[in-house]
Protein backbone atom coordinates (compact mmCIF):
# COMPACT_ATOMS: atom_id res chain seq x y z
CA MET A 1 -9.69 29.24 -5.87
CA ARG A 2 -7.28 27.65 -3.42
CA GLU A 3 -9.53 28.42 -0.43
CA GLN A 4 -12.45 26.75 -2.20
CA TRP A 5 -10.31 23.69 -2.90
CA ILE A 6 -9.32 23.45 0.80
CA LYS A 7 -12.96 23.61 1.88
CA GLU A 8 -13.89 20.81 -0.51
CA ARG A 9 -10.89 18.75 0.57
CA GLU A 10 -11.84 18.94 4.27
CA ASN A 11 -15.06 17.04 3.51
CA ASP A 12 -13.31 14.49 1.30
CA LYS A 13 -13.38 10.96 2.74
CA THR A 14 -13.30 9.27 -0.63
CA PRO A 15 -10.96 6.91 -2.57
CA THR A 16 -7.69 7.78 -4.25
CA GLN A 17 -6.94 10.13 -7.13
CA MET A 18 -6.16 7.10 -9.30
CA TYR A 19 -9.52 5.52 -8.42
CA TYR A 20 -11.38 8.63 -9.56
CA ALA A 21 -9.22 8.98 -12.65
CA LYS A 22 -9.98 5.41 -13.73
CA LYS A 23 -13.69 6.13 -13.24
CA GLY A 24 -13.43 9.09 -15.62
CA ILE A 25 -13.95 11.65 -12.83
CA ILE A 26 -11.96 14.90 -12.76
CA THR A 27 -11.30 15.77 -9.12
CA GLY A 28 -10.94 19.21 -7.58
CA GLU A 29 -7.21 18.61 -7.30
CA MET A 30 -6.99 17.88 -11.03
CA GLU A 31 -8.92 21.07 -11.83
CA TYR A 32 -6.62 23.10 -9.58
CA ILE A 33 -3.46 21.68 -11.16
CA ALA A 34 -4.84 22.21 -14.67
CA LYS A 35 -5.29 25.93 -14.03
CA LYS A 36 -1.94 26.24 -12.27
CA GLU A 37 0.03 24.47 -15.02
CA ASN A 38 -2.07 25.61 -17.98
CA ILE A 39 -2.82 22.07 -19.17
CA LYS A 40 -6.16 20.38 -19.73
CA ALA A 41 -7.82 18.73 -16.73
CA GLU A 42 -8.79 15.78 -18.92
CA LEU A 43 -5.12 15.21 -19.77
CA ILE A 44 -4.27 15.15 -16.07
CA ARG A 45 -7.10 12.68 -15.40
CA SER A 46 -6.02 10.35 -18.20
CA GLU A 47 -2.35 10.47 -17.15
CA VAL A 48 -3.20 9.68 -13.51
CA ALA A 49 -5.44 6.82 -14.66
CA ARG A 50 -2.62 5.50 -16.85
CA GLY A 51 -0.06 5.79 -14.03
CA ARG A 52 2.18 8.28 -15.85
CA MET A 53 1.29 11.04 -13.38
CA ILE A 54 0.68 11.19 -9.64
CA ILE A 55 -1.00 13.74 -7.39
CA PRO A 56 0.52 13.19 -3.93
CA ALA A 57 -2.23 14.51 -1.66
CA ASN A 58 -2.84 12.68 1.62
CA ILE A 59 -6.44 13.32 2.72
CA ASN A 60 -5.15 14.34 6.17
CA HIS A 61 -2.90 17.15 4.89
CA LYS A 62 -5.70 19.70 4.93
CA HIS A 63 -3.84 22.84 3.82
CA LEU A 64 -1.96 21.14 0.99
CA GLU A 65 -1.74 22.90 -2.36
CA PRO A 66 -2.25 20.26 -5.10
CA MET A 67 0.59 19.50 -7.49
CA ALA A 68 1.37 16.81 -10.05
CA ILE A 69 4.44 14.75 -10.90
CA GLY A 70 4.54 13.31 -14.40
CA ILE A 71 5.98 13.72 -17.87
CA ALA A 72 2.95 15.71 -19.06
CA SER A 73 3.46 18.34 -16.35
CA SER A 74 6.41 20.59 -15.62
CA CYS A 75 9.56 18.97 -14.26
CA LYS A 76 9.43 19.14 -10.46
CA ILE A 77 12.11 19.25 -7.76
CA ASN A 78 12.23 17.81 -4.26
CA ALA A 79 14.21 19.12 -1.30
CA ASN A 80 15.50 16.78 1.42
CA ILE A 81 15.72 18.02 5.01
CA GLY A 82 15.87 16.27 8.36
CA SER A 83 17.67 15.98 11.66
CA SER A 84 20.42 13.51 12.50
CA ALA A 85 21.58 11.79 15.66
CA LEU A 86 24.25 14.51 15.98
CA SER A 87 21.99 17.51 15.29
CA SER A 88 18.30 17.78 16.05
CA SER A 89 16.15 20.92 16.18
CA ILE A 90 12.48 21.24 15.26
CA ASP A 91 12.88 24.98 14.65
CA GLU A 92 15.82 24.42 12.31
CA GLU A 93 13.91 21.85 10.24
CA VAL A 94 10.88 24.15 10.00
CA GLU A 95 13.21 26.93 8.85
CA LYS A 96 14.59 24.61 6.14
CA LEU A 97 11.01 23.92 5.05
CA LYS A 98 10.29 27.66 4.79
CA VAL A 99 13.45 28.22 2.74
CA SER A 100 12.52 25.28 0.51
CA SER A 101 9.04 26.67 -0.11
CA LYS A 102 10.29 30.22 -0.69
CA TYR A 103 12.79 29.20 -3.36
CA GLY A 104 10.52 26.83 -5.21
CA ALA A 105 10.72 23.23 -3.96
CA ASP A 106 7.67 21.34 -5.22
CA THR A 107 7.81 18.62 -2.56
CA LEU A 108 9.87 18.05 0.56
CA MET A 109 11.15 14.88 2.20
CA ASP A 110 11.68 14.70 5.95
CA LEU A 111 14.63 12.33 6.39
CA SER A 112 15.01 12.87 10.13
CA THR A 113 16.84 10.14 12.02
CA GLY A 114 17.49 11.88 15.34
CA GLY A 115 15.44 13.65 18.01
CA ASP A 116 11.67 13.42 18.38
CA LEU A 117 10.79 12.22 14.89
CA ASP A 118 7.02 12.46 15.37
CA ALA A 119 7.24 16.02 16.69
CA ILE A 120 9.51 17.09 13.83
CA ARG A 121 7.18 15.53 11.27
CA THR A 122 4.08 17.05 12.85
CA ALA A 123 5.67 20.51 12.85
CA ILE A 124 6.79 20.23 9.22
CA ILE A 125 3.40 19.03 7.94
CA GLY A 126 1.64 21.69 10.00
CA GLU A 127 3.69 24.45 8.34
CA SER A 128 3.78 23.03 4.82
CA GLU A 129 1.58 23.71 1.79
CA ILE A 130 3.65 21.34 -0.37
CA PRO A 131 3.49 17.52 -0.16
CA ILE A 132 5.71 15.89 2.45
CA GLY A 133 7.42 12.55 1.88
CA THR A 134 9.18 10.29 4.36
CA VAL A 135 11.26 7.13 4.49
CA PRO A 136 9.32 5.06 7.06
CA ILE A 137 12.26 2.73 7.80
CA TYR A 138 13.87 5.58 9.74
CA GLY A 139 10.87 5.83 12.04
CA ILE A 140 10.64 2.06 12.26
CA LEU A 141 14.29 1.78 13.29
CA HIS A 142 13.79 4.58 15.83
CA LYS A 143 10.91 2.57 17.30
CA VAL A 144 13.10 -0.52 17.84
CA LYS A 145 15.90 1.61 19.34
CA ASN A 146 18.15 1.16 16.28
CA LYS A 147 18.23 -2.64 16.60
CA VAL A 148 17.42 -3.64 13.05
CA GLU A 149 17.05 -7.29 14.05
CA ASP A 150 14.03 -6.30 16.19
CA LEU A 151 12.19 -4.95 13.16
CA SER A 152 8.96 -6.81 12.47
CA ILE A 153 6.21 -6.49 9.87
CA LYS A 154 3.75 -5.59 12.66
CA ILE A 155 5.90 -2.63 13.77
CA MET A 156 6.51 -1.63 10.14
CA LEU A 157 2.81 -1.39 9.38
CA GLU A 158 2.05 0.47 12.62
CA ILE A 159 4.65 3.17 11.87
CA ILE A 160 3.56 3.47 8.23
CA GLU A 161 -0.07 4.00 9.24
CA GLU A 162 0.89 6.46 11.99
CA GLN A 163 2.71 8.58 9.41
CA ALA A 164 -0.20 8.32 6.98
CA ILE A 165 -2.55 9.57 9.69
CA GLN A 166 -0.19 12.51 10.29
CA GLY A 167 -0.58 13.58 6.66
CA VAL A 168 2.51 12.25 4.83
CA SER A 169 1.72 12.30 1.10
CA TYR A 170 4.32 9.83 -0.18
CA PHE A 171 6.47 7.07 1.28
CA THR A 172 9.81 5.80 0.07
CA ILE A 173 9.47 2.05 0.50
CA HIS A 174 12.51 -0.18 -0.07
CA ALA A 175 10.57 -3.19 -1.33
CA GLY A 176 12.42 -4.00 -4.56
CA PHE A 177 15.70 -5.16 -3.00
CA LEU A 178 15.40 -8.96 -2.77
CA LEU A 179 17.55 -11.45 -0.92
CA ARG A 180 18.71 -13.07 -4.15
CA PHE A 181 20.37 -9.81 -5.24
CA MET A 182 22.96 -9.91 -2.45
CA PRO A 183 25.69 -11.58 -4.60
CA HIS A 184 25.55 -8.57 -6.96
CA ILE A 185 26.72 -6.35 -4.09
CA ALA A 186 30.05 -8.15 -3.86
CA LYS A 187 30.98 -6.95 -7.36
CA ARG A 188 30.62 -3.27 -6.44
CA LYS A 189 33.21 -0.73 -5.48
CA MET A 190 30.90 0.98 -2.96
CA GLY A 191 28.33 -1.66 -2.01
CA ILE A 192 25.01 -0.23 -0.79
CA VAL A 193 24.85 3.56 -0.31
CA SER A 194 21.12 3.82 0.39
CA ARG A 195 20.48 4.04 4.14
CA GLY A 196 17.20 2.18 3.77
CA GLY A 197 18.78 -0.36 1.47
CA SER A 198 21.65 -1.07 3.86
CA LEU A 199 19.21 -1.59 6.73
CA MET A 200 17.17 -4.04 4.66
CA ALA A 201 20.37 -5.87 3.73
CA ALA A 202 21.33 -6.16 7.41
CA TRP A 203 17.89 -7.55 8.32
CA MET A 204 17.82 -10.02 5.42
CA MET A 205 21.30 -11.32 6.17
CA HIS A 206 20.59 -11.61 9.90
CA TYR A 207 17.51 -13.79 9.35
CA HIS A 208 18.28 -15.04 5.83
CA LYS A 209 14.69 -14.19 4.92
CA GLU A 210 13.09 -12.14 2.17
CA ASN A 211 12.80 -8.35 2.41
CA PRO A 212 9.91 -7.70 4.84
CA PHE A 213 8.74 -4.68 2.83
CA TYR A 214 8.36 -6.97 -0.17
CA ASP A 215 6.52 -9.63 1.84
CA ALA A 216 4.18 -7.03 3.37
CA PHE A 217 3.65 -5.04 0.17
CA ASP A 218 -0.07 -5.80 -0.12
CA ASP A 219 -0.64 -4.63 3.47
CA ILE A 220 1.31 -1.44 2.72
CA LEU A 221 -0.93 -0.85 -0.31
CA LYS A 222 -4.05 -1.09 1.88
CA ILE A 223 -2.73 1.71 4.11
CA CYS A 224 -1.75 3.87 1.13
CA ALA A 225 -5.16 3.43 -0.49
CA LYS A 226 -6.97 4.33 2.75
CA TYR A 227 -5.26 7.74 3.06
CA ASP A 228 -4.31 8.28 -0.60
CA VAL A 229 -0.59 8.13 0.08
CA SER A 230 1.55 7.75 -3.03
CA LEU A 231 4.44 5.31 -3.12
CA SER A 232 7.95 6.33 -4.09
CA LEU A 233 9.51 2.95 -4.77
CA GLY A 234 13.01 3.28 -3.35
CA ASP A 235 16.18 2.44 -5.22
CA SER A 236 18.01 0.59 -2.45
CA LEU A 237 20.71 -0.43 -4.90
CA ARG A 238 21.30 2.87 -6.62
CA PRO A 239 24.94 3.34 -7.65
CA GLY A 240 26.95 5.41 -5.20
CA CYS A 241 29.82 5.98 -7.62
CA LEU A 242 30.35 6.03 -11.37
CA TYR A 243 32.05 2.62 -11.28
CA ASP A 244 28.83 0.96 -10.06
CA ALA A 245 26.45 2.70 -12.47
CA SER A 246 24.00 0.62 -14.51
CA ASP A 247 25.21 -2.65 -12.98
CA ASP A 248 23.34 -5.90 -12.30
CA ALA A 249 22.37 -4.84 -8.78
CA GLN A 250 20.75 -1.58 -9.89
CA LEU A 251 18.92 -3.01 -12.90
CA SER A 252 17.74 -6.17 -11.14
CA GLU A 253 16.03 -4.05 -8.51
CA LEU A 254 14.56 -1.76 -11.18
CA LYS A 255 12.78 -4.72 -12.79
CA ILE A 256 11.21 -5.67 -9.44
CA LEU A 257 10.10 -2.05 -8.97
CA GLY A 258 8.26 -2.42 -12.27
CA GLU A 259 6.42 -5.47 -10.94
CA LEU A 260 5.53 -3.64 -7.73
CA THR A 261 4.27 -0.68 -9.76
CA LYS A 262 1.67 -2.86 -11.49
CA ARG A 263 0.60 -4.38 -8.17
CA ALA A 264 0.10 -0.90 -6.71
CA TRP A 265 -1.92 0.27 -9.72
CA GLU A 266 -4.25 -2.71 -9.29
CA LYS A 267 -5.11 -1.30 -5.83
CA ASN A 268 -5.44 2.28 -7.19
CA VAL A 269 -2.28 3.41 -5.36
CA GLN A 270 -0.23 6.05 -7.16
CA VAL A 271 3.44 5.28 -7.79
CA MET A 272 6.66 6.97 -8.78
CA VAL A 273 9.97 5.17 -9.08
CA GLU A 274 13.26 6.37 -7.61
CA GLY A 275 16.42 6.33 -9.68
CA PRO A 276 20.19 6.81 -9.54
CA GLY A 277 22.53 8.01 -8.04
CA HIS A 278 25.92 8.42 -9.68
CA VAL A 279 25.87 7.91 -13.47
CA PRO A 280 28.31 8.99 -16.21
CA LEU A 281 26.79 11.59 -18.51
CA ASN A 282 26.72 9.22 -21.48
CA GLN A 283 24.66 6.61 -19.56
CA ILE A 284 21.87 8.89 -18.31
CA GLU A 285 19.60 8.68 -21.35
CA ARG A 286 19.78 4.87 -21.28
CA ASN A 287 18.87 4.84 -17.60
CA MET A 288 15.79 6.99 -18.25
CA LYS A 289 14.67 4.71 -21.10
CA LEU A 290 15.18 1.54 -19.05
CA GLU A 291 12.98 2.89 -16.27
CA GLN A 292 10.22 3.70 -18.76
CA GLN A 293 10.52 0.19 -20.18
CA TYR A 294 10.77 -1.78 -16.92
CA CYS A 295 8.36 0.36 -14.87
CA HIS A 296 5.64 0.95 -17.47
CA GLU A 297 6.29 4.71 -17.75
CA ALA A 298 5.58 5.45 -14.09
CA PRO A 299 7.03 8.87 -13.15
CA PHE A 300 10.79 8.66 -12.59
CA TYR A 301 12.15 10.51 -9.53
CA ILE A 302 15.92 10.78 -9.75
CA LEU A 303 18.63 11.81 -7.29
CA GLY A 304 20.95 13.87 -9.46
CA PRO A 305 22.48 11.84 -10.97
CA LEU A 306 25.98 13.02 -10.16
CA VAL A 307 28.16 12.91 -13.26
CA THR A 308 31.49 12.91 -11.43
CA ASP A 309 32.66 11.64 -8.04
CA ILE A 310 35.28 14.31 -7.33
CA ALA A 311 33.19 17.47 -6.84
CA ALA A 312 33.06 17.39 -3.03
CA GLY A 313 31.72 20.75 -1.86
CA TYR A 314 30.17 21.35 -5.30
CA ASP A 315 28.05 18.24 -5.72
CA HIS A 316 24.97 20.41 -6.23
CA ILE A 317 26.60 21.45 -9.52
CA SER A 318 27.84 17.99 -10.52
CA SER A 319 24.40 16.53 -9.86
CA ALA A 320 22.41 19.36 -11.44
CA ILE A 321 24.22 18.67 -14.71
CA GLY A 322 23.00 15.07 -14.58
CA ALA A 323 19.55 16.14 -13.41
CA ALA A 324 19.07 18.44 -16.39
CA VAL A 325 19.97 15.63 -18.79
CA GLY A 326 17.74 13.19 -16.90
CA GLY A 327 14.84 15.63 -16.97
CA TRP A 328 15.36 16.21 -20.68
CA HIS A 329 15.12 12.46 -21.34
CA GLY A 330 12.01 11.84 -19.27
CA ALA A 331 12.49 12.14 -15.51
CA SER A 332 9.45 13.73 -13.86
CA MET A 333 11.00 14.93 -10.59
CA LEU A 334 14.56 15.75 -9.56
CA CYS A 335 15.74 15.24 -5.99
CA TYR A 336 18.11 18.04 -5.14
CA VAL A 337 21.64 17.66 -3.86
CA THR A 338 23.24 20.33 -1.67
CA PRO A 339 26.88 21.47 -1.57
CA LYS A 340 27.26 19.41 1.62
CA GLU A 341 26.37 16.08 -0.03
CA HIS A 342 28.78 13.36 1.18
CA LEU A 343 30.21 15.81 3.73
CA GLY A 344 27.63 16.76 6.36
CA LEU A 345 24.11 17.77 7.35
CA PRO A 346 22.94 20.75 5.23
CA ASN A 347 21.82 24.00 6.84
CA ALA A 348 19.27 26.50 5.48
CA LYS A 349 21.84 28.15 3.17
CA ASP A 350 22.83 24.79 1.71
CA VAL A 351 19.16 23.99 1.14
CA ARG A 352 18.74 27.24 -0.78
CA ASP A 353 21.81 26.59 -2.94
CA GLY A 354 20.62 23.07 -3.74
CA ILE A 355 17.12 24.20 -4.63
CA ILE A 356 18.28 26.94 -7.00
CA ALA A 357 20.69 24.55 -8.74
CA TYR A 358 17.81 22.16 -9.29
CA LYS A 359 15.30 24.81 -10.33
CA ILE A 360 17.80 25.63 -13.08
CA ALA A 361 18.06 21.95 -14.04
CA ALA A 362 14.28 21.42 -14.07
CA HIS A 363 13.69 24.58 -16.10
CA ALA A 364 16.38 23.58 -18.60
CA ALA A 365 14.69 20.18 -18.91
CA ASP A 366 11.29 21.78 -19.58
CA ILE A 367 12.83 23.91 -22.33
CA ALA A 368 14.59 20.90 -23.86
CA ARG A 369 11.34 18.88 -23.79
CA GLY A 370 9.57 21.69 -25.65
CA ARG A 371 7.04 22.28 -22.90
CA LYS A 372 4.58 24.99 -23.92
CA GLY A 373 5.46 28.34 -22.35
CA ALA A 374 8.71 27.07 -20.84
CA MET A 375 10.77 29.82 -22.52
CA ASP A 376 8.35 32.67 -21.80
CA ALA A 377 10.29 33.84 -18.76
CA ASP A 378 13.60 33.52 -20.62
CA ASN A 379 12.30 35.66 -23.47
CA ALA A 380 11.01 38.24 -20.99
CA MET A 381 14.41 38.24 -19.29
CA SER A 382 16.12 38.88 -22.63
CA ASP A 383 13.86 41.88 -23.23
CA ALA A 384 14.55 43.17 -19.71
CA ARG A 385 18.31 42.82 -20.14
CA TYR A 386 18.38 44.49 -23.52
CA GLY A 387 16.17 47.26 -22.16
CA PHE A 388 18.28 47.72 -18.98
CA ASP A 389 15.19 47.04 -16.85
CA TRP A 390 17.01 45.96 -13.70
CA GLU A 391 13.95 45.54 -11.49
CA LYS A 392 12.33 43.26 -14.06
CA GLN A 393 15.54 41.22 -14.26
CA PHE A 394 15.50 40.73 -10.49
CA GLU A 395 11.83 39.78 -10.58
CA LEU A 396 12.29 37.17 -13.31
CA SER A 397 15.32 35.51 -11.70
CA LEU A 398 14.99 32.11 -10.06
CA ASP A 399 16.64 33.72 -7.02
CA PRO A 400 15.66 37.42 -7.05
CA ASP A 401 17.41 38.05 -3.73
CA LYS A 402 20.75 36.82 -5.07
CA ALA A 403 20.41 38.75 -8.33
CA ARG A 404 19.71 41.99 -6.46
CA GLU A 405 22.50 41.30 -3.97
CA PHE A 406 25.13 40.85 -6.69
CA HIS A 407 24.02 44.00 -8.51
CA ASP A 408 24.03 46.03 -5.30
CA GLU A 409 27.52 44.85 -4.32
CA THR A 410 29.12 46.88 -7.09
CA LEU A 411 26.49 49.53 -7.91
CA PRO A 412 24.62 50.13 -4.64
CA GLN A 413 23.16 53.57 -5.39
CA ASP A 414 19.53 53.73 -6.48
CA VAL A 415 20.46 55.73 -9.56
CA PHE A 416 22.17 52.64 -10.98
CA LYS A 417 18.85 50.75 -11.02
CA GLU A 418 18.12 52.78 -14.16
CA ALA A 419 21.65 52.81 -15.59
CA GLU A 420 22.25 51.52 -19.10
CA PHE A 421 25.31 49.52 -18.05
CA CYS A 422 26.54 47.30 -15.22
CA SER A 423 29.87 47.18 -13.39
CA MET A 424 31.21 44.46 -15.69
CA CYS A 425 31.49 46.63 -18.82
CA GLY A 426 30.79 50.13 -17.55
CA PRO A 427 29.19 52.87 -19.70
CA LYS A 428 31.77 52.81 -22.53
CA PHE A 429 32.00 49.07 -23.26
CA CYS A 430 28.41 47.83 -22.86
CA SER A 431 27.68 45.62 -25.86
CA TYR A 432 23.91 46.07 -25.48
CA LYS A 433 24.24 49.86 -25.67
CA ILE A 434 26.67 49.72 -28.61
CA SER A 435 24.41 47.27 -30.44
CA LYS A 436 21.34 49.45 -29.85
CA ASP A 437 23.20 52.50 -31.16
CA ILE A 438 24.15 50.60 -34.33
CA THR A 439 20.55 49.47 -34.85
CA LYS A 440 19.32 53.01 -34.24
CA ASN A 441 21.77 54.67 -36.64
CA TYR A 442 21.77 52.13 -39.48
CA ASP A 443 19.03 50.28 -41.35
CA LEU A 444 20.55 46.81 -41.04
CA GLU A 445 17.69 45.01 -42.78
CA LYS A 446 18.33 46.93 -46.01
CA MET A 447 22.08 46.61 -45.81
CA GLU A 448 23.67 44.96 -48.81
CA VAL A 449 26.04 42.13 -47.90
């Protein structure tokens, strides 16, 4: 099926997924996703037409496996990778991509800021079967040799189209941060923590002009429509600490993102909206509802949110807690956080740890939302555990390698793969075994209480 889809896609020089959806046409991508996710193709079409779902699938990413981001589909996760000015290796970034794909990332963002950005991006897209996203401002700044004041709309549009031609399936565009929001920043404890947002702030203050991404938004839409690149409307003013959560800066930008969403839909460009950040647990549900209200139910793509600011070294856990709650209350995709968040550039192991934390969060969200079949694997795992089927337990785990590794650390011999106990309880204190013996020896259903 996938090979047939690729062959059809290679001959596809047609308009966007949203264009087809509005025309009532079910595309090959929609059919593929319907079979993969066990949902009706017509539902996918109607959700894409409505703007509640996107299919990020640049026409130039030939070997892409179609996927969908939206409340009607399973909760997705994104992995961030990328070089920095202090560490740049194409091979290392490709290795991070392979780890991301192996452990279940649904999309991947290349956030490279150092080295040969075009070569890194080309290598990643060439090796990837999942959609690749970028933040074009990084490439734009690289083009002007890190002099933000030399940024121009002409250069912006050139870099955006170059990346679209390469096969990037979604762009984070920081177009919702307007000059008039600058006074809100002064009230914050941590100002602007978005790299793209801080660069836009520097440009706007240097020239005292409006955000160039906002001014050039219609031109950006033309490029996106030409290659069917989805927009991920960036949250330049996301809160970087709990103190700044849900403040005037964040919510003012969110309202503008809602306006930009409608403008994009008018041009048949697919949109998702990026969200916070750092948010106390009790404010997450409200944040999800506000995005649905302000942004017309466009898919919400959230970073975490982190529910505490003091988990340095464990921010993948702090943020996965928030991500699960956000997914439960309507977020469509969760952007992972690694243990190195706030501390350094993640390596392949950190990428793996972040992905697994977020696969747990996304799966928990699907269960909480009552998604059909979401608990099937959990029920199968329960049967495998109660039946001491160790191989099945490994197979069903989100990280089979880790599950097998932990079991083998304490009971390495092959004979223990069929043992009716583990090293925690041993053969005499296994509650499963004791419980099964009770059930076997007594008719509990007929027992008088």
